[in-house]
Amino acid sequence: MNDVLTGLARFVVRLLLLVVGLLFFLSLLAAALVLALVWGVRAVWARITGRPISPWTVRIDPRAGWSSVYRSGARWSRTEGASPTPPEARPQPPVHLRPLPGADEVTDVQPREPGGS
C-alpha cells in the first residue's frame, strides 16, 4: 500500500510541474503574440497613412553612463596640494551615506575613515 501512495504522490508532483511549465510557456507565447500583433497593427497603420515605419529603439547614450561615473570619481579623489573645504561649505551626503541615528552612542568599536584599511 505504501508503494502505491508513493507512486501516486510522484505522479501528482510530476503532473503539477508539467502543468506549471506548460502554463509558463503559454504565457510567454501569449506575450510574444500580443507584441507581434501590436507591431503588425502599427506597421499596417503606417502603411495606410503613408508614414514611414519607425523602428522601436531604446534611446540610450553610452557616453552618458561613462560621464556620470567619471564625474562621480572626481568627487572622491583629491589632489595632494588641495586644502580641504570647511565643513559648512560641504554639501550634505545622500541619505544612504549618512550615519545612522544613535551611531555616536556605540562604544565597543573603533571608528575609522571610509576607504581606510
PDB file of N, CA and C in Angstrom:
ATOM      1  N   MET A   1       0.822  -1.206   0.000  1.00  0.00           N
ATOM      2  CA  MET A   1       0.000   0.000   0.000  1.00  0.00           C
ATOM      3  C   MET A   1       0.863   1.267   0.000  1.00  0.00           C
ATOM      4  N   ASN A   2       2.004   1.162   0.698  1.00  0.00           N
ATOM      5  CA  ASN A   2       2.906   2.305   0.788  1.00  0.00           C
ATOM      6  C   ASN A   2       3.491   2.642  -0.580  1.00  0.00           C
ATOM      7  N   ASP A   3       3.807   1.617  -1.396  1.00  0.00           N
ATOM      8  CA  ASP A   3       4.361   1.845  -2.724  1.00  0.00           C
ATOM      9  C   ASP A   3       3.349   2.517  -3.647  1.00  0.00           C
ATOM     10  N   VAL A   4       2.079   2.168  -3.486  1.00  0.00           N
ATOM     11  CA  VAL A   4       1.031   2.763  -4.315  1.00  0.00           C
ATOM     12  C   VAL A   4       0.905   4.251  -4.000  1.00  0.00           C
ATOM     13  N   LEU A   5       0.910   4.621  -2.719  1.00  0.00           N
ATOM     14  CA  LEU A   5       0.799   6.034  -2.335  1.00  0.00           C
ATOM     15  C   LEU A   5       2.031   6.826  -2.766  1.00  0.00           C
ATOM     16  N   THR A   6       3.211   6.226  -2.661  1.00  0.00           N
ATOM     17  CA  THR A   6       4.432   6.903  -3.091  1.00  0.00           C
ATOM     18  C   THR A   6       4.413   7.128  -4.599  1.00  0.00           C
ATOM     19  N   GLY A   7       4.025   6.139  -5.346  1.00  0.00           N
ATOM     20  CA  GLY A   7       3.928   6.284  -6.800  1.00  0.00           C
ATOM     21  C   GLY A   7       2.896   7.313  -7.196  1.00  0.00           C
ATOM     22  N   LEU A   8       1.765   7.331  -6.498  1.00  0.00           N
ATOM     23  CA  LEU A   8       0.720   8.312  -6.779  1.00  0.00           C
ATOM     24  C   LEU A   8       1.199   9.729  -6.462  1.00  0.00           C
ATOM     25  N   ALA A   9       1.933   9.910  -5.362  1.00  0.00           N
ATOM     26  CA  ALA A   9       2.455  11.225  -4.995  1.00  0.00           C
ATOM     27  C   ALA A   9       3.464  11.717  -6.038  1.00  0.00           C
ATOM     28  N   ARG A  10       4.332  10.802  -6.503  1.00  0.00           N
ATOM     29  CA  ARG A  10       5.302  11.184  -7.540  1.00  0.00           C
ATOM     30  C   ARG A  10       4.587  11.588  -8.819  1.00  0.00           C
ATOM     31  N   PHE A  11       3.558  10.855  -9.184  1.00  0.00           N
ATOM     32  CA  PHE A  11       2.800  11.168 -10.393  1.00  0.00           C
ATOM     33  C   PHE A  11       2.126  12.532 -10.270  1.00  0.00           C
ATOM     34  N   VAL A  12       1.542  12.813  -9.123  1.00  0.00           N
ATOM     35  CA  VAL A  12       0.863  14.099  -8.923  1.00  0.00           C
ATOM     36  C   VAL A  12       1.874  15.247  -8.982  1.00  0.00           C
ATOM     37  N   VAL A  13       3.059  15.078  -8.378  1.00  0.00           N
ATOM     38  CA  VAL A  13       4.080  16.130  -8.415  1.00  0.00           C
ATOM     39  C   VAL A  13       4.559  16.354  -9.841  1.00  0.00           C
ATOM     40  N   ARG A  14       4.795  15.275 -10.587  1.00  0.00           N
ATOM     41  CA  ARG A  14       5.219  15.412 -11.980  1.00  0.00           C
ATOM     42  C   ARG A  14       4.147  16.091 -12.821  1.00  0.00           C
ATOM     43  N   LEU A  15       2.905  15.703 -12.607  1.00  0.00           N
ATOM     44  CA  LEU A  15       1.807  16.316 -13.340  1.00  0.00           C
ATOM     45  C   LEU A  15       1.683  17.795 -13.004  1.00  0.00           C
ATOM     46  N   LEU A  16       1.844  18.135 -11.734  1.00  0.00           N
ATOM     47  CA  LEU A  16       1.778  19.538 -11.314  1.00  0.00           C
ATOM     48  C   LEU A  16       2.905  20.353 -11.942  1.00  0.00           C
ATOM     49  N   LEU A  17       4.119  19.819 -11.956  1.00  0.00           N
ATOM     50  CA  LEU A  17       5.242  20.523 -12.573  1.00  0.00           C
ATOM     51  C   LEU A  17       5.042  20.674 -14.081  1.00  0.00           C
ATOM     52  N   LEU A  18       4.485  19.668 -14.710  1.00  0.00           N
ATOM     53  CA  LEU A  18       4.201  19.752 -16.134  1.00  0.00           C
ATOM     54  C   LEU A  18       3.173  20.843 -16.424  1.00  0.00           C
ATOM     55  N   VAL A  19       2.139  20.917 -15.617  1.00  0.00           N
ATOM     56  CA  VAL A  19       1.102  21.936 -15.810  1.00  0.00           C
ATOM     57  C   VAL A  19       1.676  23.331 -15.585  1.00  0.00           C
ATOM     58  N   VAL A  20       2.511  23.507 -14.556  1.00  0.00           N
ATOM     59  CA  VAL A  20       3.118  24.820 -14.290  1.00  0.00           C
ATOM     60  C   VAL A  20       4.036  25.218 -15.440  1.00  0.00           C
ATOM     61  N   GLY A  21       4.851  24.298 -15.939  1.00  0.00           N
ATOM     62  CA  GLY A  21       5.727  24.592 -17.071  1.00  0.00           C
ATOM     63  C   GLY A  21       4.947  24.935 -18.320  1.00  0.00           C
ATOM     64  N   LEU A  22       3.875  24.198 -18.569  1.00  0.00           N
ATOM     65  CA  LEU A  22       3.039  24.469 -19.733  1.00  0.00           C
ATOM     66  C   LEU A  22       2.366  25.835 -19.610  1.00  0.00           C
ATOM     67  N   LEU A  23       1.906  26.171 -18.435  1.00  0.00           N
ATOM     68  CA  LEU A  23       1.284  27.476 -18.209  1.00  0.00           C
ATOM     69  C   LEU A  23       2.291  28.606 -18.416  1.00  0.00           C
ATOM     70  N   PHE A  24       3.516  28.424 -17.936  1.00  0.00           N
ATOM     71  CA  PHE A  24       4.554  29.433 -18.125  1.00  0.00           C
ATOM     72  C   PHE A  24       4.873  29.612 -19.612  1.00  0.00           C
ATOM     73  N   PHE A  25       5.014  28.489 -20.339  1.00  0.00           N
ATOM     74  CA  PHE A  25       5.293  28.556 -21.768  1.00  0.00           C
ATOM     75  C   PHE A  25       4.159  29.264 -22.511  1.00  0.00           C
ATOM     76  N   LEU A  26       2.928  28.926 -22.179  1.00  0.00           N
ATOM     77  CA  LEU A  26       1.793  29.549 -22.861  1.00  0.00           C
ATOM     78  C   LEU A  26       1.697  31.043 -22.553  1.00  0.00           C
ATOM     79  N   SER A  27       2.059  31.446 -21.333  1.00  0.00           N
ATOM     80  CA  SER A  27       2.022  32.878 -21.016  1.00  0.00           C
ATOM     81  C   SER A  27       3.106  33.633 -21.786  1.00  0.00           C
ATOM     82  N   LEU A  28       4.291  33.039 -21.928  1.00  0.00           N
ATOM     83  CA  LEU A  28       5.335  33.680 -22.739  1.00  0.00           C
ATOM     84  C   LEU A  28       4.924  33.746 -24.207  1.00  0.00           C
ATOM     85  N   LEU A  29       4.308  32.694 -24.693  1.00  0.00           N
ATOM     86  CA  LEU A  29       3.843  32.678 -26.071  1.00  0.00           C
ATOM     87  C   LEU A  29       2.763  33.733 -26.295  1.00  0.00           C
ATOM     88  N   ALA A  30       1.857  33.881 -25.349  1.00  0.00           N
ATOM     89  CA  ALA A  30       0.801  34.895 -25.470  1.00  0.00           C
ATOM     90  C   ALA A  30       1.400  36.301 -25.466  1.00  0.00           C
ATOM     91  N   ALA A  31       2.384  36.545 -24.615  1.00  0.00           N
ATOM     92  CA  ALA A  31       3.021  37.866 -24.583  1.00  0.00           C
ATOM     93  C   ALA A  31       3.719  38.164 -25.905  1.00  0.00           C
ATOM     94  N   ALA A  32       4.405  37.171 -26.471  1.00  0.00           N
ATOM     95  CA  ALA A  32       5.075  37.365 -27.760  1.00  0.00           C
ATOM     96  C   ALA A  32       4.062  37.603 -28.871  1.00  0.00           C
ATOM     97  N   LEU A  33       2.942  36.899 -28.834  1.00  0.00           N
ATOM     98  CA  LEU A  33       1.911  37.101 -29.853  1.00  0.00           C
ATOM     99  C   LEU A  33       1.268  38.477 -29.753  1.00  0.00           C
ATOM    100  N   VAL A  34       1.050  38.946 -28.544  1.00  0.00           N
ATOM    101  CA  VAL A  34       0.488  40.293 -28.368  1.00  0.00           C
ATOM    102  C   VAL A  34       1.465  41.336 -28.884  1.00  0.00           C
ATOM    103  N   LEU A  35       2.749  41.167 -28.588  1.00  0.00           N
ATOM    104  CA  LEU A  35       3.757  42.103 -29.087  1.00  0.00           C
ATOM    105  C   LEU A  35       3.821  42.080 -30.610  1.00  0.00           C
ATOM    106  N   ALA A  36       3.755  40.893 -31.214  1.00  0.00           N
ATOM    107  CA  ALA A  36       3.765  40.785 -32.671  1.00  0.00           C
ATOM    108  C   ALA A  36       2.513  41.412 -33.271  1.00  0.00           C
ATOM    109  N   LEU A  37       1.389  41.245 -32.610  1.00  0.00           N
ATOM    110  CA  LEU A  37       0.146  41.842 -33.102  1.00  0.00           C
ATOM    111  C   LEU A  37       0.226  43.367 -33.059  1.00  0.00           C
ATOM    112  N   VAL A  38       0.726  43.893 -31.970  1.00  0.00           N
ATOM    113  CA  VAL A  38       0.862  45.356 -31.856  1.00  0.00           C
ATOM    114  C   VAL A  38       1.820  45.869 -32.929  1.00  0.00           C
ATOM    115  N   TRP A  39       2.932  45.172 -33.134  1.00  0.00           N
ATOM    116  CA  TRP A  39       3.896  45.592 -34.139  1.00  0.00           C
ATOM    117  C   TRP A  39       3.279  45.542 -35.539  1.00  0.00           C
ATOM    118  N   GLY A  40       2.502  44.495 -35.822  1.00  0.00           N
ATOM    119  CA  GLY A  40       1.858  44.375 -37.120  1.00  0.00           C
ATOM    120  C   GLY A  40       0.813  45.447 -37.355  1.00  0.00           C
ATOM    121  N   VAL A  41      -0.005  45.721 -36.351  1.00  0.00           N
ATOM    122  CA  VAL A  41      -1.020  46.770 -36.483  1.00  0.00           C
ATOM    123  C   VAL A  41      -0.350  48.122 -36.699  1.00  0.00           C
ATOM    124  N   ARG A  42       0.740  48.343 -36.018  1.00  0.00           N
ATOM    125  CA  ARG A  42       1.484  49.599 -36.160  1.00  0.00           C
ATOM    126  C   ARG A  42       2.050  49.730 -37.577  1.00  0.00           C
ATOM    127  N   ALA A  43       2.572  48.639 -38.115  1.00  0.00           N
ATOM    128  CA  ALA A  43       3.123  48.665 -39.474  1.00  0.00           C
ATOM    129  C   ALA A  43       2.020  48.891 -40.509  1.00  0.00           C
ATOM    130  N   VAL A  44       0.888  48.226 -40.326  1.00  0.00           N
ATOM    131  CA  VAL A  44      -0.229  48.407 -41.255  1.00  0.00           C
ATOM    132  C   VAL A  44      -0.754  49.834 -41.186  1.00  0.00           C
ATOM    133  N   TRP A  45      -0.870  50.385 -39.991  1.00  0.00           N
ATOM    134  CA  TRP A  45      -1.354  51.758 -39.840  1.00  0.00           C
ATOM    135  C   TRP A  45      -0.389  52.747 -40.501  1.00  0.00           C
ATOM    136  N   ALA A  46       0.903  52.498 -40.363  1.00  0.00           N
ATOM    137  CA  ALA A  46       1.879  53.383 -41.009  1.00  0.00           C
ATOM    138  C   ALA A  46       1.768  53.283 -42.526  1.00  0.00           C
ATOM    139  N   ARG A  47       1.528  52.097 -43.047  1.00  0.00           N
ATOM    140  CA  ARG A  47       1.392  51.938 -44.499  1.00  0.00           C
ATOM    141  C   ARG A  47       0.113  52.605 -45.002  1.00  0.00           C
ATOM    142  N   ILE A  48      -0.977  52.493 -44.221  1.00  0.00           N
ATOM    143  CA  ILE A  48      -2.249  53.110 -44.633  1.00  0.00           C
ATOM    144  C   ILE A  48      -2.120  54.627 -44.653  1.00  0.00           C
ATOM    145  N   THR A  49      -1.504  55.195 -43.636  1.00  0.00           N
ATOM    146  CA  THR A  49      -1.394  56.653 -43.545  1.00  0.00           C
ATOM    147  C   THR A  49      -0.253  57.203 -44.382  1.00  0.00           C
ATOM    148  N   GLY A  50       0.611  56.346 -44.935  1.00  0.00           N
ATOM    149  CA  GLY A  50       1.692  56.815 -45.795  1.00  0.00           C
ATOM    150  C   GLY A  50       2.910  57.305 -45.034  1.00  0.00           C
ATOM    151  N   ARG A  51       2.976  57.033 -43.787  1.00  0.00           N
ATOM    152  CA  ARG A  51       4.134  57.457 -42.988  1.00  0.00           C
ATOM    153  C   ARG A  51       5.178  56.341 -42.981  1.00  0.00           C
ATOM    154  N   PRO A  52       6.442  56.709 -42.787  1.00  0.00           N
ATOM    155  CA  PRO A  52       7.461  55.662 -42.691  1.00  0.00           C
ATOM    156  C   PRO A  52       7.326  54.908 -41.366  1.00  0.00           C
ATOM    157  N   ILE A  53       7.687  53.643 -41.401  1.00  0.00           N
ATOM    158  CA  ILE A  53       7.626  52.823 -40.192  1.00  0.00           C
ATOM    159  C   ILE A  53       8.876  53.099 -39.376  1.00  0.00           C
ATOM    160  N   SER A  54       8.677  53.678 -38.212  1.00  0.00           N
ATOM    161  CA  SER A  54       9.833  53.963 -37.356  1.00  0.00           C
ATOM    162  C   SER A  54      10.084  52.770 -36.443  1.00  0.00           C
ATOM    163  N   PRO A  55      11.338  52.357 -36.335  1.00  0.00           N
ATOM    164  CA  PRO A  55      11.627  51.177 -35.506  1.00  0.00           C
ATOM    165  C   PRO A  55      11.508  51.494 -34.028  1.00  0.00           C
ATOM    166  N   TRP A  56      11.268  50.451 -33.253  1.00  0.00           N
ATOM    167  CA  TRP A  56      11.284  50.595 -31.803  1.00  0.00           C
ATOM    168  C   TRP A  56      12.731  50.522 -31.364  1.00  0.00           C
ATOM    169  N   THR A  57      13.215  51.596 -30.823  1.00  0.00           N
ATOM    170  CA  THR A  57      14.610  51.628 -30.382  1.00  0.00           C
ATOM    171  C   THR A  57      14.665  52.122 -28.952  1.00  0.00           C
ATOM    172  N   VAL A  58      15.728  51.730 -28.290  1.00  0.00           N
ATOM    173  CA  VAL A  58      15.990  52.230 -26.946  1.00  0.00           C
ATOM    174  C   VAL A  58      16.969  53.376 -27.098  1.00  0.00           C
ATOM    175  N   ARG A  59      16.588  54.534 -26.658  1.00  0.00           N
ATOM    176  CA  ARG A  59      17.427  55.713 -26.820  1.00  0.00           C
ATOM    177  C   ARG A  59      18.330  55.879 -25.603  1.00  0.00           C
ATOM    178  N   ILE A  60      19.438  55.169 -25.621  1.00  0.00           N
ATOM    179  CA  ILE A  60      20.398  55.237 -24.524  1.00  0.00           C
ATOM    180  C   ILE A  60      21.717  55.714 -25.108  1.00  0.00           C
ATOM    181  N   ASP A  61      22.278  56.733 -24.508  1.00  0.00           N
ATOM    182  CA  ASP A  61      23.571  57.229 -24.931  1.00  0.00           C
ATOM    183  C   ASP A  61      24.639  56.603 -24.038  1.00  0.00           C
ATOM    184  N   PRO A  62      25.508  55.748 -24.562  1.00  0.00           N
ATOM    185  CA  PRO A  62      26.510  55.109 -23.697  1.00  0.00           C
ATOM    186  C   PRO A  62      27.494  56.105 -23.105  1.00  0.00           C
ATOM    187  N   ARG A  63      27.640  57.256 -23.741  1.00  0.00           N
ATOM    188  CA  ARG A  63      28.553  58.264 -23.194  1.00  0.00           C
ATOM    189  C   ARG A  63      28.003  58.874 -21.910  1.00  0.00           C
ATOM    190  N   ALA A  64      26.681  58.872 -21.741  1.00  0.00           N
ATOM    191  CA  ALA A  64      26.094  59.449 -20.532  1.00  0.00           C
ATOM    192  C   ALA A  64      26.489  58.639 -19.307  1.00  0.00           C
ATOM    193  N   GLY A  65      26.502  57.319 -19.412  1.00  0.00           N
ATOM    194  CA  GLY A  65      26.922  56.487 -18.285  1.00  0.00           C
ATOM    195  C   GLY A  65      28.372  56.704 -17.931  1.00  0.00           C
ATOM    196  N   TRP A  66      29.226  56.790 -18.948  1.00  0.00           N
ATOM    197  CA  TRP A  66      30.650  56.999 -18.683  1.00  0.00           C
ATOM    198  C   TRP A  66      30.882  58.350 -18.028  1.00  0.00           C
ATOM    199  N   SER A  67      30.221  59.400 -18.528  1.00  0.00           N
ATOM    200  CA  SER A  67      30.461  60.731 -17.967  1.00  0.00           C
ATOM    201  C   SER A  67      29.948  60.826 -16.536  1.00  0.00           C
ATOM    202  N   SER A  68      28.849  60.137 -16.215  1.00  0.00           N
ATOM    203  CA  SER A  68      28.370  60.195 -14.831  1.00  0.00           C
ATOM    204  C   SER A  68      29.342  59.487 -13.890  1.00  0.00           C
ATOM    205  N   VAL A  69      29.924  58.378 -14.328  1.00  0.00           N
ATOM    206  CA  VAL A  69      30.908  57.684 -13.499  1.00  0.00           C
ATOM    207  C   VAL A  69      32.172  58.522 -13.387  1.00  0.00           C
ATOM    208  N   TYR A  70      32.593  59.130 -14.473  1.00  0.00           N
ATOM    209  CA  TYR A  70      33.811  59.940 -14.466  1.00  0.00           C
ATOM    210  C   TYR A  70      33.654  61.144 -13.541  1.00  0.00           C
ATOM    211  N   ARG A  71      32.480  61.792 -13.572  1.00  0.00           N
ATOM    212  CA  ARG A  71      32.252  62.946 -12.692  1.00  0.00           C
ATOM    213  C   ARG A  71      32.172  62.531 -11.237  1.00  0.00           C
ATOM    214  N   SER A  72      31.559  61.382 -10.936  1.00  0.00           N
ATOM    215  CA  SER A  72      31.460  60.965  -9.544  1.00  0.00           C
ATOM    216  C   SER A  72      32.824  60.576  -9.000  1.00  0.00           C
ATOM    217  N   GLY A  73      33.739  60.105  -9.865  1.00  0.00           N
ATOM    218  CA  GLY A  73      35.090  59.774  -9.417  1.00  0.00           C
ATOM    219  C   GLY A  73      35.868  61.005  -9.015  1.00  0.00           C
ATOM    220  N   ALA A  74      35.611  62.123  -9.664  1.00  0.00           N
ATOM    221  CA  ALA A  74      36.309  63.355  -9.312  1.00  0.00           C
ATOM    222  C   ALA A  74      35.890  63.835  -7.931  1.00  0.00           C
ATOM    223  N   ARG A  75      34.716  63.497  -7.509  1.00  0.00           N
ATOM    224  CA  ARG A  75      34.246  63.919  -6.193  1.00  0.00           C
ATOM    225  C   ARG A  75      35.026  63.204  -5.086  1.00  0.00           C
ATOM    226  N   TRP A  76      35.431  61.951  -5.343  1.00  0.00           N
ATOM    227  CA  TRP A  76      36.077  61.163  -4.301  1.00  0.00           C
ATOM    228  C   TRP A  76      37.597  61.299  -4.316  1.00  0.00           C
ATOM    229  N   SER A  77      38.172  61.721  -5.418  1.00  0.00           N
ATOM    230  CA  SER A  77      39.627  61.863  -5.466  1.00  0.00           C
ATOM    231  C   SER A  77      39.995  63.320  -5.230  1.00  0.00           C
ATOM    232  N   ARG A  78      41.112  63.525  -4.539  1.00  0.00           N
ATOM    233  CA  ARG A  78      41.540  64.883  -4.218  1.00  0.00           C
ATOM    234  C   ARG A  78      43.038  64.944  -4.450  1.00  0.00           C
ATOM    235  N   THR A  79      43.511  66.052  -4.964  1.00  0.00           N
ATOM    236  CA  THR A  79      44.946  66.195  -5.173  1.00  0.00           C
ATOM    237  C   THR A  79      45.620  66.456  -3.843  1.00  0.00           C
ATOM    238  N   GLU A  80      46.940  66.189  -3.795  1.00  0.00           N
ATOM    239  CA  GLU A  80      47.685  66.304  -2.539  1.00  0.00           C
ATOM    240  C   GLU A  80      47.749  67.735  -2.040  1.00  0.00           C
ATOM    241  N   GLY A  81      47.889  68.717  -2.936  1.00  0.00           N
ATOM    242  CA  GLY A  81      48.067  70.100  -2.516  1.00  0.00           C
ATOM    243  C   GLY A  81      46.762  70.817  -2.213  1.00  0.00           C
ATOM    244  N   ALA A  82      45.641  70.227  -2.501  1.00  0.00           N
ATOM    245  CA  ALA A  82      44.362  70.912  -2.290  1.00  0.00           C
ATOM    246  C   ALA A  82      44.023  70.937  -0.809  1.00  0.00           C
ATOM    247  N   SER A  83      43.531  72.055  -0.370  1.00  0.00           N
ATOM    248  CA  SER A  83      43.131  72.168   1.036  1.00  0.00           C
ATOM    249  C   SER A  83      41.703  71.681   1.193  1.00  0.00           C
ATOM    250  N   PRO A  84      41.410  71.031   2.308  1.00  0.00           N
ATOM    251  CA  PRO A  84      40.033  70.559   2.499  1.00  0.00           C
ATOM    252  C   PRO A  84      39.071  71.726   2.658  1.00  0.00           C
ATOM    253  N   THR A  85      37.853  71.516   2.207  1.00  0.00           N
ATOM    254  CA  THR A  85      36.845  72.565   2.327  1.00  0.00           C
ATOM    255  C   THR A  85      36.307  72.594   3.746  1.00  0.00           C
ATOM    256  N   PRO A  86      35.895  73.751   4.216  1.00  0.00           N
ATOM    257  CA  PRO A  86      35.322  73.812   5.564  1.00  0.00           C
ATOM    258  C   PRO A  86      34.041  72.991   5.636  1.00  0.00           C
ATOM    259  N   PRO A  87      33.712  72.454   6.820  1.00  0.00           N
ATOM    260  CA  PRO A  87      32.534  71.587   6.940  1.00  0.00           C
ATOM    261  C   PRO A  87      31.237  72.266   6.539  1.00  0.00           C
ATOM    262  N   GLU A  88      31.097  73.561   6.787  1.00  0.00           N
ATOM    263  CA  GLU A  88      29.838  74.230   6.433  1.00  0.00           C
ATOM    264  C   GLU A  88      29.694  74.422   4.934  1.00  0.00           C
ATOM    265  N   ALA A  89      30.802  74.369   4.171  1.00  0.00           N
ATOM    266  CA  ALA A  89      30.732  74.554   2.724  1.00  0.00           C
ATOM    267  C   ALA A  89      30.494  73.231   1.994  1.00  0.00           C
ATOM    268  N   ARG A  90      30.664  72.107   2.673  1.00  0.00           N
ATOM    269  CA  ARG A  90      30.465  70.808   2.038  1.00  0.00           C
ATOM    270  C   ARG A  90      28.977  70.519   1.861  1.00  0.00           C
ATOM    271  N   PRO A  91      28.613  69.926   0.735  1.00  0.00           N
ATOM    272  CA  PRO A  91      27.204  69.539   0.579  1.00  0.00           C
ATOM    273  C   PRO A  91      26.877  68.334   1.456  1.00  0.00           C
ATOM    274  N   GLN A  92      25.621  68.197   1.812  1.00  0.00           N
ATOM    275  CA  GLN A  92      25.183  67.070   2.633  1.00  0.00           C
ATOM    276  C   GLN A  92      25.284  65.786   1.817  1.00  0.00           C
ATOM    277  N   PRO A  93      25.779  64.706   2.416  1.00  0.00           N
ATOM    278  CA  PRO A  93      25.835  63.443   1.674  1.00  0.00           C
ATOM    279  C   PRO A  93      24.426  62.887   1.481  1.00  0.00           C
ATOM    280  N   PRO A  94      24.270  61.977   0.530  1.00  0.00           N
ATOM    281  CA  PRO A  94      22.950  61.364   0.330  1.00  0.00           C
ATOM    282  C   PRO A  94      22.504  60.615   1.586  1.00  0.00           C
ATOM    283  N   VAL A  95      21.232  60.358   1.667  1.00  0.00           N
ATOM    284  CA  VAL A  95      20.651  59.747   2.858  1.00  0.00           C
ATOM    285  C   VAL A  95      21.286  58.392   3.151  1.00  0.00           C
ATOM    286  N   HIS A  96      21.584  57.601   2.128  1.00  0.00           N
ATOM    287  CA  HIS A  96      22.127  56.270   2.379  1.00  0.00           C
ATOM    288  C   HIS A  96      23.582  56.295   2.842  1.00  0.00           C
ATOM    289  N   LEU A  97      24.246  57.459   2.782  1.00  0.00           N
ATOM    290  CA  LEU A  97      25.629  57.553   3.243  1.00  0.00           C
ATOM    291  C   LEU A  97      25.744  58.261   4.598  1.00  0.00           C
ATOM    292  N   ARG A  98      24.651  58.774   5.109  1.00  0.00           N
ATOM    293  CA  ARG A  98      24.695  59.457   6.400  1.00  0.00           C
ATOM    294  C   ARG A  98      24.765  58.439   7.531  1.00  0.00           C
ATOM    295  N   PRO A  99      25.368  58.821   8.672  1.00  0.00           N
ATOM    296  CA  PRO A  99      25.411  57.888   9.814  1.00  0.00           C
ATOM    297  C   PRO A  99      24.006  57.591  10.326  1.00  0.00           C
ATOM    298  N   LEU A 100      23.834  56.391  10.824  1.00  0.00           N
ATOM    299  CA  LEU A 100      22.541  56.003  11.371  1.00  0.00           C
ATOM    300  C   LEU A 100      22.282  56.739  12.677  1.00  0.00           C
ATOM    301  N   PRO A 101      21.014  56.967  13.009  1.00  0.00           N
ATOM    302  CA  PRO A 101      20.715  57.596  14.293  1.00  0.00           C
ATOM    303  C   PRO A 101      21.201  56.719  15.440  1.00  0.00           C
ATOM    304  N   GLY A 102      21.851  57.314  16.391  1.00  0.00           N
ATOM    305  CA  GLY A 102      22.354  56.587  17.544  1.00  0.00           C
ATOM    306  C   GLY A 102      23.722  55.973  17.318  1.00  0.00           C
ATOM    307  N   ALA A 103      24.356  56.233  16.170  1.00  0.00           N
ATOM    308  CA  ALA A 103      25.667  55.651  15.893  1.00  0.00           C
ATOM    309  C   ALA A 103      26.735  56.243  16.801  1.00  0.00           C
ATOM    310  N   ASP A 104      26.533  57.461  17.279  1.00  0.00           N
ATOM    311  CA  ASP A 104      27.537  58.075  18.154  1.00  0.00           C
ATOM    312  C   ASP A 104      27.511  57.475  19.559  1.00  0.00           C
ATOM    313  N   GLU A 105      26.493  56.704  19.888  1.00  0.00           N
ATOM    314  CA  GLU A 105      26.392  56.091  21.208  1.00  0.00           C
ATOM    315  C   GLU A 105      27.102  54.736  21.287  1.00  0.00           C
ATOM    316  N   VAL A 106      27.574  54.206  20.160  1.00  0.00           N
ATOM    317  CA  VAL A 106      28.244  52.910  20.133  1.00  0.00           C
ATOM    318  C   VAL A 106      29.645  53.080  20.700  1.00  0.00           C
ATOM    319  N   THR A 107      30.019  52.216  21.656  1.00  0.00           N
ATOM    320  CA  THR A 107      31.315  52.370  22.313  1.00  0.00           C
ATOM    321  C   THR A 107      32.209  51.151  22.160  1.00  0.00           C
ATOM    322  N   ASP A 108      31.746  50.063  21.563  1.00  0.00           N
ATOM    323  CA  ASP A 108      32.545  48.851  21.518  1.00  0.00           C
ATOM    324  C   ASP A 108      33.316  48.672  20.210  1.00  0.00           C
ATOM    325  N   VAL A 109      33.359  49.690  19.345  1.00  0.00           N
ATOM    326  CA  VAL A 109      34.132  49.608  18.115  1.00  0.00           C
ATOM    327  C   VAL A 109      34.991  50.859  17.960  1.00  0.00           C
ATOM    328  N   GLN A 110      36.042  50.755  17.173  1.00  0.00           N
ATOM    329  CA  GLN A 110      36.901  51.893  16.890  1.00  0.00           C
ATOM    330  C   GLN A 110      36.514  52.494  15.536  1.00  0.00           C
ATOM    331  N   PRO A 111      36.074  53.738  15.474  1.00  0.00           N
ATOM    332  CA  PRO A 111      35.678  54.324  14.182  1.00  0.00           C
ATOM    333  C   PRO A 111      36.913  54.584  13.330  1.00  0.00           C
ATOM    334  N   ARG A 112      36.760  54.452  12.024  1.00  0.00           N
ATOM    335  CA  ARG A 112      37.833  54.787  11.090  1.00  0.00           C
ATOM    336  C   ARG A 112      37.221  55.444   9.864  1.00  0.00           C
ATOM    337  N   GLU A 113      38.059  56.083   9.086  1.00  0.00           N
ATOM    338  CA  GLU A 113      37.602  56.781   7.895  1.00  0.00           C
ATOM    339  C   GLU A 113      37.185  55.773   6.837  1.00  0.00           C
ATOM    340  N   PRO A 114      36.153  56.083   6.052  1.00  0.00           N
ATOM    341  CA  PRO A 114      35.763  55.165   4.980  1.00  0.00           C
ATOM    342  C   PRO A 114      36.883  55.035   3.954  1.00  0.00           C
ATOM    343  N   GLY A 115      37.097  53.835   3.479  1.00  0.00           N
ATOM    344  CA  GLY A 115      38.119  53.582   2.477  1.00  0.00           C
ATOM    345  C   GLY A 115      39.488  53.323   3.080  1.00  0.00           C
ATOM    346  N   GLY A 116      39.669  53.569   4.364  1.00  0.00           N
ATOM    347  CA  GLY A 116      40.948  53.305   5.008  1.00  0.00           C
ATOM    348  C   GLY A 116      41.054  51.850   5.400  1.00  0.00           C
ATOM    349  N   SER A 117      42.282  51.366   5.595  1.00  0.00           N
ATOM    350  CA  SER A 117      42.421  49.957   5.967  1.00  0.00           C
ATOM    351  C   SER A 117      42.924  49.796   7.384  1.00  0.00           C
TER     352      SER A 117
END
